Amino acid sequence: MNHRVFTVGSLIPGKIATVLNSTHRPIVDKEEAAHQSHLEKIIVVQGSNRFEIMPAQGKLLEVALNQGKSIKYKCQKGTCGQCTVQVLQSTRLSQPNEQEQKKLGTELNNGYRLACQAVIQ
């Protein structure tokens, strides 16, 4: 017989319901877990290329390159603009710094960032 034990966390609205089965291992709603995982990704576009980047500590460009993403770049100082990307999805990026404001101006309002300057938090 399968005995289920609900935890306090499983009763909180909006949280992933965690249920313990007879082996006392958590069972996570797979659809909800996939949805949560999808929200974690940082999605950017550069030209006609779309990149999905898993968050890690560091600058967006460094993290993307470490994950094998072929984002174009040159100076890595925020002066050339070669690494400009449009951020489609992310809640984890730092606010634009002075270099980005100087280089991108009003394009910041359209989601454009310098990958070499944007920091993943």
C-alpha atoms as a PDB file:
ATOM      1  CA  MET A   1       0.000   0.000   0.000  1.00  0.00           C
ATOM      2  CA  ASN A   2       1.333   3.413  -0.920  1.00  0.00           C
ATOM      3  CA  HIS A   3       1.222   5.807   2.038  1.00  0.00           C
ATOM      4  CA  ARG A   4       1.491   9.450   1.116  1.00  0.00           C
ATOM      5  CA  VAL A   5       2.517  12.085   3.600  1.00  0.00           C
ATOM      6  CA  PHE A   6       1.947  15.710   2.703  1.00  0.00           C
ATOM      7  CA  THR A   7       4.440  18.231   4.018  1.00  0.00           C
ATOM      8  CA  VAL A   8       3.668  21.782   5.064  1.00  0.00           C
ATOM      9  CA  GLY A   9       5.471  23.016   1.931  1.00  0.00           C
ATOM     10  CA  SER A  10       3.124  21.022  -0.279  1.00  0.00           C
ATOM     11  CA  LEU A  11       0.180  22.998   1.051  1.00  0.00           C
ATOM     12  CA  ILE A  12       1.593  26.426   0.167  1.00  0.00           C
ATOM     13  CA  PRO A  13      -0.031  27.766  -3.026  1.00  0.00           C
ATOM     14  CA  GLY A  14       2.370  28.213  -5.924  1.00  0.00           C
ATOM     15  CA  LYS A  15       4.985  25.855  -4.523  1.00  0.00           C
ATOM     16  CA  ILE A  16       5.936  22.495  -6.003  1.00  0.00           C
ATOM     17  CA  ALA A  17       3.983  19.867  -4.121  1.00  0.00           C
ATOM     18  CA  THR A  18       6.359  17.488  -2.393  1.00  0.00           C
ATOM     19  CA  VAL A  19       4.966  14.140  -1.417  1.00  0.00           C
ATOM     20  CA  LEU A  20       6.815  11.343   0.316  1.00  0.00           C
ATOM     21  CA  ASN A  21       6.160   7.823  -0.881  1.00  0.00           C
ATOM     22  CA  SER A  22       6.760   4.640   1.095  1.00  0.00           C
ATOM     23  CA  THR A  23      10.535   4.934   0.511  1.00  0.00           C
ATOM     24  CA  HIS A  24      10.455   8.514   1.907  1.00  0.00           C
ATOM     25  CA  ARG A  25      11.852  10.020  -1.279  1.00  0.00           C
ATOM     26  CA  PRO A  26      10.239  13.216  -2.573  1.00  0.00           C
ATOM     27  CA  ILE A  27       7.995  12.948  -5.600  1.00  0.00           C
ATOM     28  CA  VAL A  28       7.908  16.214  -7.539  1.00  0.00           C
ATOM     29  CA  ASP A  29       5.229  17.096 -10.061  1.00  0.00           C
ATOM     30  CA  LYS A  30       7.257  16.724 -13.288  1.00  0.00           C
ATOM     31  CA  GLU A  31       5.235  19.281 -15.245  1.00  0.00           C
ATOM     32  CA  GLU A  32       5.692  21.905 -12.509  1.00  0.00           C
ATOM     33  CA  ALA A  33       9.407  21.084 -12.205  1.00  0.00           C
ATOM     34  CA  ALA A  34       9.844  21.511 -15.983  1.00  0.00           C
ATOM     35  CA  HIS A  35       8.016  24.845 -15.790  1.00  0.00           C
ATOM     36  CA  GLN A  36      10.268  26.016 -12.927  1.00  0.00           C
ATOM     37  CA  SER A  37      13.373  24.888 -14.839  1.00  0.00           C
ATOM     38  CA  HIS A  38      12.235  26.773 -17.944  1.00  0.00           C
ATOM     39  CA  LEU A  39      11.812  29.967 -15.914  1.00  0.00           C
ATOM     40  CA  GLU A  40      15.369  29.719 -14.663  1.00  0.00           C
ATOM     41  CA  LYS A  41      16.930  29.944 -18.122  1.00  0.00           C
ATOM     42  CA  ILE A  42      18.237  33.197 -19.504  1.00  0.00           C
ATOM     43  CA  ILE A  43      17.166  33.523 -23.128  1.00  0.00           C
ATOM     44  CA  VAL A  44      18.990  35.961 -25.406  1.00  0.00           C
ATOM     45  CA  VAL A  45      19.087  36.670 -29.122  1.00  0.00           C
ATOM     46  CA  GLN A  46      22.077  37.903 -31.103  1.00  0.00           C
ATOM     47  CA  GLY A  47      21.375  38.438 -34.784  1.00  0.00           C
ATOM     48  CA  SER A  48      19.477  35.345 -35.923  1.00  0.00           C
ATOM     49  CA  ASN A  49      20.881  33.161 -33.132  1.00  0.00           C
ATOM     50  CA  ARG A  50      18.867  32.328 -30.006  1.00  0.00           C
ATOM     51  CA  PHE A  51      20.703  31.115 -26.905  1.00  0.00           C
ATOM     52  CA  GLU A  52      19.352  29.496 -23.733  1.00  0.00           C
ATOM     53  CA  ILE A  53      21.785  29.985 -20.877  1.00  0.00           C
ATOM     54  CA  MET A  54      21.560  28.295 -17.500  1.00  0.00           C
ATOM     55  CA  PRO A  55      22.313  30.820 -14.755  1.00  0.00           C
ATOM     56  CA  ALA A  56      25.693  30.643 -13.047  1.00  0.00           C
ATOM     57  CA  GLN A  57      27.711  33.246 -11.218  1.00  0.00           C
ATOM     58  CA  GLY A  58      29.601  35.668 -13.429  1.00  0.00           C
ATOM     59  CA  LYS A  59      29.191  37.891 -16.432  1.00  0.00           C
ATOM     60  CA  LEU A  60      26.642  36.780 -19.017  1.00  0.00           C
ATOM     61  CA  LEU A  61      29.263  36.459 -21.769  1.00  0.00           C
ATOM     62  CA  GLU A  62      31.632  34.307 -19.671  1.00  0.00           C
ATOM     63  CA  VAL A  63      28.834  32.008 -18.524  1.00  0.00           C
ATOM     64  CA  ALA A  64      27.486  31.631 -22.069  1.00  0.00           C
ATOM     65  CA  LEU A  65      30.926  30.828 -23.499  1.00  0.00           C
ATOM     66  CA  ASN A  66      31.562  28.300 -20.715  1.00  0.00           C
ATOM     67  CA  GLN A  67      28.312  26.582 -21.744  1.00  0.00           C
ATOM     68  CA  GLY A  68      29.421  26.387 -25.379  1.00  0.00           C
ATOM     69  CA  LYS A  69      27.207  29.210 -26.665  1.00  0.00           C
ATOM     70  CA  SER A  70      28.740  31.012 -29.640  1.00  0.00           C
ATOM     71  CA  ILE A  71      27.973  34.608 -28.712  1.00  0.00           C
ATOM     72  CA  LYS A  72      30.051  36.983 -30.844  1.00  0.00           C
ATOM     73  CA  TYR A  73      32.352  39.309 -28.901  1.00  0.00           C
ATOM     74  CA  LYS A  74      35.583  41.236 -29.259  1.00  0.00           C
ATOM     75  CA  CYS A  75      36.929  43.618 -26.600  1.00  0.00           C
ATOM     76  CA  GLN A  76      35.154  42.316 -23.457  1.00  0.00           C
ATOM     77  CA  LYS A  77      35.355  45.868 -22.037  1.00  0.00           C
ATOM     78  CA  GLY A  78      31.988  47.203 -23.217  1.00  0.00           C
ATOM     79  CA  THR A  79      33.424  49.591 -25.797  1.00  0.00           C
ATOM     80  CA  CYS A  80      32.996  47.790 -29.137  1.00  0.00           C
ATOM     81  CA  GLY A  81      29.397  46.586 -28.773  1.00  0.00           C
ATOM     82  CA  GLN A  82      30.100  43.309 -30.600  1.00  0.00           C
ATOM     83  CA  CYS A  83      28.561  41.268 -27.723  1.00  0.00           C
ATOM     84  CA  THR A  84      25.227  43.124 -27.757  1.00  0.00           C
ATOM     85  CA  VAL A  85      22.331  40.734 -27.168  1.00  0.00           C
ATOM     86  CA  GLN A  86      18.605  41.213 -26.724  1.00  0.00           C
ATOM     87  CA  VAL A  87      17.429  39.594 -23.503  1.00  0.00           C
ATOM     88  CA  LEU A  88      14.090  37.868 -24.022  1.00  0.00           C
ATOM     89  CA  GLN A  89      13.867  36.217 -20.606  1.00  0.00           C
ATOM     90  CA  SER A  90      15.724  36.767 -17.358  1.00  0.00           C
ATOM     91  CA  THR A  91      15.070  37.966 -13.871  1.00  0.00           C
ATOM     92  CA  ARG A  92      18.635  37.423 -12.746  1.00  0.00           C
ATOM     93  CA  LEU A  93      20.643  40.101 -14.537  1.00  0.00           C
ATOM     94  CA  SER A  94      22.153  43.138 -12.851  1.00  0.00           C
ATOM     95  CA  GLN A  95      20.939  46.623 -13.697  1.00  0.00           C
ATOM     96  CA  PRO A  96      22.740  48.151 -16.706  1.00  0.00           C
ATOM     97  CA  ASN A  97      26.010  49.768 -15.688  1.00  0.00           C
ATOM     98  CA  GLU A  98      27.432  53.090 -16.876  1.00  0.00           C
ATOM     99  CA  GLN A  99      29.267  51.498 -19.819  1.00  0.00           C
ATOM    100  CA  GLU A 100      26.051  49.878 -21.085  1.00  0.00           C
ATOM    101  CA  GLN A 101      24.111  53.120 -20.678  1.00  0.00           C
ATOM    102  CA  LYS A 102      26.769  54.984 -22.651  1.00  0.00           C
ATOM    103  CA  LYS A 103      27.005  52.388 -25.462  1.00  0.00           C
ATOM    104  CA  LEU A 104      23.358  51.284 -25.808  1.00  0.00           C
ATOM    105  CA  GLY A 105      21.403  54.360 -24.702  1.00  0.00           C
ATOM    106  CA  THR A 106      17.672  53.963 -25.336  1.00  0.00           C
ATOM    107  CA  GLU A 107      18.146  50.417 -26.695  1.00  0.00           C
ATOM    108  CA  LEU A 108      18.308  49.321 -23.050  1.00  0.00           C
ATOM    109  CA  ASN A 109      14.539  49.939 -22.985  1.00  0.00           C
ATOM    110  CA  ASN A 110      14.137  47.284 -25.705  1.00  0.00           C
ATOM    111  CA  GLY A 111      15.994  44.634 -23.690  1.00  0.00           C
ATOM    112  CA  TYR A 112      19.419  45.044 -25.276  1.00  0.00           C
ATOM    113  CA  ARG A 113      22.457  44.429 -23.076  1.00  0.00           C
ATOM    114  CA  LEU A 114      26.205  44.070 -23.443  1.00  0.00           C
ATOM    115  CA  ALA A 115      26.881  40.417 -22.573  1.00  0.00           C
ATOM    116  CA  CYS A 116      30.369  41.319 -21.340  1.00  0.00           C
ATOM    117  CA  GLN A 117      28.937  43.790 -18.817  1.00  0.00           C
ATOM    118  CA  ALA A 118      25.655  42.169 -17.649  1.00  0.00           C
ATOM    119  CA  VAL A 119      26.205  40.197 -14.448  1.00  0.00           C
ATOM    120  CA  ILE A 120      24.098  37.165 -13.533  1.00  0.00           C
ATOM    121  CA  GLN A 121      22.991  37.446  -9.920  1.00  0.00           C
END
